[in-house]
Amino acid sequence: TPTPTATLTSTPDPVTVQANSIGTALTTKNYSSLYDLMGVEFRSNYSYSDFVSSLGQSGTVAGFVVQSLPRLFGTVNEWAEVRIQLTQSTGVVKSYNEIFHLENGAWKLYGTEEVT
C-alpha cells in the first residue's frame, strides 16, 4: 500500500488578498472595485469621479506585485502594512507601502507611501 504524504497548502492572509485585489483592480482599470476597497475616511473625502480623474493622471498600471508579508500593528492589530511594487505602462517601476485598516471586519486601504 502507498504511504500517504502530507501536502502543505497555505491560504493567503486577508491583507495580502486585499492587496492583490487592489493590484487586479488597478491593472484591469476596474475603478469601481478599487474605490470599494478604499477606507471610509478616504471615500468620505473623495467622490468616485474625483478618484477616477486622479487615477487617469497617474498613468496605466501594467504590473503589480506584493513584495512582503503584512506587518500588523495597533492596539488590537487593526492596522497592517505591506510593500507592493507597481510597474507603469511606461516601464517605470515604483515601490509603495500600503497601509490597511480593519473596518467592520474587512481590510480597507487607508493610504500609500512611496518608498524611495
Protein backbone atom coordinates (compact mmCIF):
# COMPACT_ATOMS: atom_id res chain seq x y z
CA THR A 1 0.00 0.00 0.00
CA PRO A 2 1.25 3.51 -0.75
CA THR A 3 2.40 5.66 2.12
CA PRO A 4 0.33 8.85 2.46
CA THR A 5 2.28 12.08 2.16
CA ALA A 6 1.39 15.37 3.71
CA THR A 7 0.84 18.26 1.37
CA LEU A 8 1.29 21.73 2.75
CA THR A 9 -1.10 24.32 1.47
CA SER A 10 -1.17 27.88 2.54
CA THR A 11 -4.09 30.21 2.47
CA PRO A 12 -3.06 33.79 1.84
CA ASP A 13 -3.77 36.09 4.72
CA PRO A 14 -6.66 38.57 4.28
CA VAL A 15 -4.37 41.61 3.98
CA THR A 16 -2.39 40.06 1.12
CA VAL A 17 -5.64 39.03 -0.57
CA GLN A 18 -6.85 42.62 -0.32
CA ALA A 19 -3.54 44.00 -1.63
CA ASN A 20 -3.76 41.64 -4.61
CA SER A 21 -7.37 42.73 -5.20
CA ILE A 22 -6.14 46.31 -5.41
CA GLY A 23 -3.48 45.27 -7.90
CA THR A 24 -6.01 43.45 -10.05
CA ALA A 25 -8.38 46.43 -9.99
CA LEU A 26 -5.55 48.78 -10.97
CA THR A 27 -4.21 46.66 -13.83
CA THR A 28 -7.70 45.99 -15.24
CA LYS A 29 -8.87 49.58 -14.68
CA ASN A 30 -11.78 48.36 -12.57
CA TYR A 31 -12.03 51.66 -10.73
CA SER A 32 -15.41 50.88 -9.19
CA SER A 33 -13.99 47.83 -7.39
CA LEU A 34 -10.89 49.79 -6.44
CA TYR A 35 -12.99 52.58 -4.92
CA ASP A 36 -14.90 49.98 -2.89
CA LEU A 37 -11.59 48.73 -1.43
CA MET A 38 -10.78 52.18 -0.04
CA GLY A 39 -11.44 53.08 3.58
CA VAL A 40 -14.43 55.01 4.85
CA GLU A 41 -12.36 58.13 5.55
CA PHE A 42 -11.00 58.20 2.00
CA ARG A 43 -14.44 57.72 0.44
CA SER A 44 -15.90 60.46 2.62
CA ASN A 45 -13.23 62.91 1.37
CA TYR A 46 -13.10 61.95 -2.33
CA SER A 47 -16.02 61.39 -4.66
CA TYR A 48 -15.86 58.50 -7.09
CA SER A 49 -15.49 60.87 -10.06
CA ASP A 50 -12.58 62.74 -8.40
CA PHE A 51 -10.98 59.40 -7.61
CA VAL A 52 -11.22 58.21 -11.23
CA SER A 53 -9.88 61.56 -12.51
CA SER A 54 -6.84 61.31 -10.24
CA LEU A 55 -6.10 57.77 -11.45
CA GLY A 56 -6.17 58.91 -15.06
CA GLN A 57 -3.40 61.41 -14.30
CA SER A 58 -1.09 58.77 -12.84
CA GLY A 59 -0.85 56.61 -15.97
CA THR A 60 -1.68 52.98 -16.62
CA VAL A 61 -0.50 50.23 -14.29
CA ALA A 62 0.95 47.33 -16.27
CA GLY A 63 2.07 45.17 -13.36
CA PHE A 64 1.60 44.75 -9.63
CA VAL A 65 3.45 42.55 -7.14
CA VAL A 66 3.03 42.18 -3.37
CA GLN A 67 6.61 42.16 -2.07
CA SER A 68 6.18 41.47 1.64
CA LEU A 69 4.06 39.73 4.18
CA PRO A 70 1.85 42.12 6.14
CA ARG A 71 3.11 43.71 9.31
CA LEU A 72 0.25 44.10 11.80
CA PHE A 73 0.25 46.90 14.35
CA GLY A 74 -2.05 48.94 16.56
CA THR A 75 -3.66 48.24 19.91
CA VAL A 76 -5.51 45.17 18.63
CA ASN A 77 -3.67 44.66 15.31
CA GLU A 78 -6.27 46.74 13.50
CA TRP A 79 -3.65 48.20 11.13
CA ALA A 80 -1.47 46.44 8.57
CA GLU A 81 1.30 47.43 6.18
CA VAL A 82 2.54 45.61 3.07
CA ARG A 83 5.12 46.57 0.45
CA ILE A 84 3.98 46.47 -3.15
CA GLN A 85 5.66 47.19 -6.48
CA LEU A 86 3.89 48.86 -9.40
CA THR A 87 5.10 48.82 -12.97
CA GLN A 88 3.62 51.56 -15.10
CA SER A 89 2.98 51.11 -18.82
CA THR A 90 5.96 53.41 -19.43
CA GLY A 91 8.22 50.85 -17.73
CA VAL A 92 8.74 52.94 -14.60
CA VAL A 93 8.83 50.72 -11.50
CA LYS A 94 7.99 52.12 -8.07
CA SER A 95 7.58 50.58 -4.62
CA TYR A 96 4.98 51.63 -2.09
CA ASN A 97 3.92 50.76 1.43
CA GLU A 98 0.18 50.20 1.52
CA ILE A 99 -1.49 50.85 4.85
CA PHE A 100 -4.72 48.98 5.61
CA HIS A 101 -7.23 49.49 8.39
CA LEU A 102 -9.65 46.85 9.65
CA GLU A 103 -13.15 48.32 9.23
CA ASN A 104 -16.20 46.25 10.19
CA GLY A 105 -14.29 43.00 9.70
CA ALA A 106 -12.78 43.90 6.29
CA TRP A 107 -9.33 45.27 5.45
CA LYS A 108 -9.64 48.61 3.64
CA LEU A 109 -6.88 50.65 2.05
CA TYR A 110 -6.11 53.66 4.23
CA GLY A 111 -3.22 55.10 2.25
CA THR A 112 0.00 54.56 0.38
CA GLU A 113 3.52 55.87 0.82
CA GLU A 114 6.14 55.75 -1.93
CA VAL A 115 9.35 54.03 -0.89
CA THR A 116 12.36 55.90 -2.22
